[in-house]
């Protein structure tokens, strides 16, 4: 869509209908992953390994917590910035 806007050409209808269809699927996946990480966080006592465990577990828990933070940022950027802009761009191009 960005290329269509940049080149001022006509937007052809995608095979998936509207951009909102794959966005809905991705938002559902984001919800599922958020729930999965809430469970992991609870099961791991907020990523706190028991003191008697080997240092490898501490590193693993730390990396898992870091991954969750990165995932939350990814989800935020898509849900709150990329997806709304894509929907708006599609509407602009459809009305042109």
Protein backbone atom coordinates (compact mmCIF):
# COMPACT_ATOMS: atom_id res chain seq x y z
CA UNK A 1 0.00 0.00 0.00
CA UNK A 2 2.89 2.34 0.73
CA UNK A 3 4.24 1.71 -2.78
CA UNK A 4 0.81 2.35 -4.29
CA UNK A 5 0.59 5.66 -2.44
CA UNK A 6 4.15 6.63 -3.32
CA UNK A 7 3.70 5.83 -7.00
CA UNK A 8 0.15 7.22 -7.07
CA UNK A 9 -1.23 4.05 -8.65
CA UNK A 10 -4.48 2.18 -8.11
CA UNK A 11 -4.80 -0.20 -5.16
CA UNK A 12 -5.73 -3.65 -6.35
CA UNK A 13 -7.98 -5.72 -4.10
CA UNK A 14 -5.88 -8.24 -2.16
CA UNK A 15 -6.92 -11.90 -2.06
CA UNK A 16 -7.64 -11.61 1.69
CA UNK A 17 -10.25 -8.89 1.22
CA UNK A 18 -9.31 -6.01 3.45
CA UNK A 19 -6.16 -5.46 5.48
CA UNK A 20 -8.35 -5.72 8.57
CA UNK A 21 -8.71 -9.50 8.04
CA UNK A 22 -5.05 -10.43 8.61
CA UNK A 23 -4.81 -7.74 11.29
CA UNK A 24 -7.62 -9.42 13.23
CA UNK A 25 -5.78 -12.74 13.02
CA UNK A 26 -2.52 -11.19 14.21
CA UNK A 27 -4.26 -9.40 17.09
CA UNK A 28 -5.76 -12.74 18.13
CA UNK A 29 -2.25 -14.23 18.06
CA UNK A 30 -1.00 -11.32 20.18
CA UNK A 31 -3.70 -12.02 22.77
CA UNK A 32 -2.82 -15.71 22.79
CA UNK A 33 0.89 -15.01 23.30
CA UNK A 34 0.13 -12.48 26.04
CA UNK A 35 -1.88 -15.14 27.89
CA UNK A 36 0.89 -17.69 27.38
CA UNK A 37 3.50 -15.38 28.89
CA UNK A 38 1.26 -14.51 31.85
CA UNK A 39 1.16 -18.26 32.59
CA UNK A 40 4.94 -18.58 32.19
CA UNK A 41 5.44 -15.60 34.48
CA UNK A 42 3.17 -17.11 37.12
CA UNK A 43 4.72 -20.58 36.87
CA UNK A 44 8.23 -19.13 37.13
CA UNK A 45 7.44 -16.87 40.12
CA UNK A 46 7.99 -13.77 37.98
CA UNK A 47 11.05 -15.33 36.35
CA UNK A 48 12.72 -15.92 39.71
CA UNK A 49 14.64 -19.21 39.77
CA UNK A 50 15.01 -20.99 43.10
CA UNK A 51 18.36 -20.17 44.73
CA UNK A 52 19.54 -23.79 44.69
CA UNK A 53 19.30 -24.10 40.89
CA UNK A 54 22.32 -24.01 38.60
CA UNK A 55 23.34 -20.67 37.08
CA UNK A 56 22.10 -21.87 33.67
CA UNK A 57 18.54 -21.59 35.00
CA UNK A 58 19.13 -17.99 36.10
CA UNK A 59 20.38 -17.12 32.61
CA UNK A 60 17.43 -18.92 31.03
CA UNK A 61 14.90 -17.12 33.23
CA UNK A 62 16.60 -13.79 32.53
CA UNK A 63 16.55 -14.35 28.78
CA UNK A 64 12.91 -15.44 28.91
CA UNK A 65 11.97 -12.28 30.79
CA UNK A 66 13.89 -10.20 28.24
CA UNK A 67 12.12 -11.99 25.40
CA UNK A 68 8.75 -11.24 26.99
CA UNK A 69 9.61 -7.53 27.21
CA UNK A 70 10.64 -7.53 23.53
CA UNK A 71 7.43 -9.35 22.61
CA UNK A 72 5.31 -6.78 24.48
CA UNK A 73 7.06 -3.97 22.61
CA UNK A 74 6.50 -5.77 19.30
CA UNK A 75 2.81 -6.24 20.08
CA UNK A 76 2.41 -2.62 21.18
CA UNK A 77 4.03 -1.28 18.01
CA UNK A 78 1.86 -3.42 15.76
CA UNK A 79 -1.44 -3.04 17.61
CA UNK A 80 -1.19 0.68 18.35
CA UNK A 81 0.88 2.10 15.50
CA UNK A 82 1.30 -0.16 12.47
CA UNK A 83 -2.17 -1.72 12.28
CA UNK A 84 -4.16 1.54 12.66
CA UNK A 85 -1.93 3.23 10.05
CA UNK A 86 -2.40 0.31 7.64
CA UNK A 87 -6.18 0.46 8.06
CA UNK A 88 -6.21 4.21 7.51
CA UNK A 89 -3.94 3.96 4.46
CA UNK A 90 -6.15 1.30 2.93
CA UNK A 91 -9.20 3.54 3.42
CA UNK A 92 -7.40 6.51 1.86
CA UNK A 93 -6.34 4.47 -1.15
CA UNK A 94 -9.77 2.89 -1.57
CA UNK A 95 -11.40 6.33 -1.69
CA UNK A 96 -8.87 7.73 -4.16
